[in-house]
Amino acid sequence: MTKHETYGSVWDAIADTPEQAANLRARAELMQQIAAIIEAGGWKQAEAAERCGVTQPRINDLLRGRVSRFSLDALVNIATALGRRVHLALEAA
């Protein structure tokens, strides 16, 4: 019989540390919000790339949820280029 661990989230399951899981979670949430802005604008990837100040392949990575390809800094820069302010909230674990 094998022992199965349970995790609070997929990020907890794939990360080596709670800090890494928190970073992955924050990046994924920010990526989802940026993708929603792009979708709401009805922009094609090339237009979104121009508005975000990145290349079209970067937008493709973002829309496909490739979290590992983005740092928090890069995502904050993209959100700022879209005229958004990133607001962080700390919650008890």
Protein backbone atom coordinates (compact mmCIF):
# COMPACT_ATOMS: atom_id res chain seq x y z
CA MET A 1 0.00 0.00 0.00
CA THR A 2 1.38 3.43 -0.91
CA LYS A 3 0.98 6.56 1.13
CA HIS A 4 -0.62 9.47 -0.73
CA GLU A 5 0.17 12.99 0.30
CA THR A 6 -2.48 15.65 0.02
CA TYR A 7 -1.70 19.24 -0.87
CA GLY A 8 -3.56 22.50 -0.49
CA SER A 9 -3.03 23.35 -4.15
CA VAL A 10 -1.30 22.15 -7.28
CA TRP A 11 1.41 24.73 -6.55
CA ASP A 12 2.10 23.13 -3.17
CA ALA A 13 2.38 19.76 -4.90
CA ILE A 14 4.93 20.80 -7.52
CA ALA A 15 7.00 23.29 -5.53
CA ASP A 16 9.91 22.29 -3.32
CA THR A 17 9.15 24.91 -0.67
CA PRO A 18 6.16 26.93 0.55
CA GLU A 19 7.94 30.05 -0.74
CA GLN A 20 8.18 28.62 -4.24
CA ALA A 21 4.52 27.60 -4.13
CA ALA A 22 3.51 31.13 -3.10
CA ASN A 23 5.54 32.61 -5.94
CA LEU A 24 3.99 30.23 -8.49
CA ARG A 25 0.51 31.00 -7.16
CA ALA A 26 1.06 34.77 -7.41
CA ARG A 27 2.42 34.51 -10.95
CA ALA A 28 -0.45 32.28 -12.08
CA GLU A 29 -3.06 34.64 -10.62
CA LEU A 30 -1.46 37.67 -12.27
CA MET A 31 -1.21 35.83 -15.59
CA GLN A 32 -4.91 34.92 -15.41
CA GLN A 33 -5.86 38.54 -14.77
CA ILE A 34 -3.70 39.80 -17.65
CA ALA A 35 -5.17 37.14 -19.96
CA ALA A 36 -8.68 38.27 -18.95
CA ILE A 37 -7.80 41.87 -19.85
CA ILE A 38 -6.53 40.73 -23.26
CA GLU A 39 -9.65 38.64 -23.84
CA ALA A 40 -11.99 41.44 -22.74
CA GLY A 41 -10.23 43.79 -25.16
CA GLY A 42 -10.75 41.32 -27.97
CA TRP A 43 -7.12 41.79 -28.99
CA LYS A 44 -5.24 39.46 -31.27
CA GLN A 45 -1.90 38.31 -29.89
CA ALA A 46 0.10 40.80 -31.98
CA GLU A 47 -2.00 43.72 -30.74
CA ALA A 48 -1.78 42.50 -27.14
CA ALA A 49 2.00 42.19 -27.49
CA GLU A 50 2.28 45.77 -28.71
CA ARG A 51 0.09 47.06 -25.88
CA CYS A 52 2.05 45.02 -23.31
CA GLY A 53 5.48 45.95 -24.62
CA VAL A 54 6.50 42.35 -25.29
CA THR A 55 6.73 40.03 -28.29
CA GLN A 56 3.86 37.99 -29.68
CA PRO A 57 5.52 34.70 -28.58
CA ARG A 58 5.60 36.06 -25.00
CA ILE A 59 1.86 36.75 -25.19
CA ASN A 60 1.34 33.22 -26.51
CA ASP A 61 3.26 31.84 -23.52
CA LEU A 62 1.16 33.98 -21.17
CA LEU A 63 -2.15 32.93 -22.71
CA ARG A 64 -1.12 29.27 -22.57
CA GLY A 65 -0.36 29.60 -18.86
CA ARG A 66 3.36 28.90 -19.07
CA VAL A 67 4.04 30.18 -15.56
CA SER A 68 7.68 29.08 -15.52
CA ARG A 69 8.51 31.51 -18.32
CA PHE A 70 7.52 34.62 -16.36
CA SER A 71 8.92 36.31 -13.29
CA LEU A 72 6.75 38.41 -11.01
CA ASP A 73 8.72 41.44 -12.19
CA ALA A 74 7.92 40.72 -15.84
CA LEU A 75 4.22 40.28 -15.07
CA VAL A 76 4.07 43.51 -13.04
CA ASN A 77 5.69 45.30 -16.00
CA ILE A 78 3.11 43.87 -18.41
CA ALA A 79 0.22 44.85 -16.11
CA THR A 80 1.66 48.35 -15.79
CA ALA A 81 1.98 48.64 -19.58
CA LEU A 82 -1.76 47.87 -19.71
CA GLY A 83 -2.45 50.78 -17.38
CA ARG A 84 -3.06 48.58 -14.35
CA ARG A 85 -1.68 48.84 -10.84
CA VAL A 86 -0.79 45.60 -9.12
CA HIS A 87 -2.10 45.38 -5.58
CA LEU A 88 -0.82 42.72 -3.20
CA ALA A 89 -2.64 41.38 -0.18
CA LEU A 90 -1.17 39.24 2.55
CA GLU A 91 -3.34 36.58 4.15
CA ALA A 92 -2.67 34.22 6.99
CA ALA A 93 -1.64 30.79 5.73
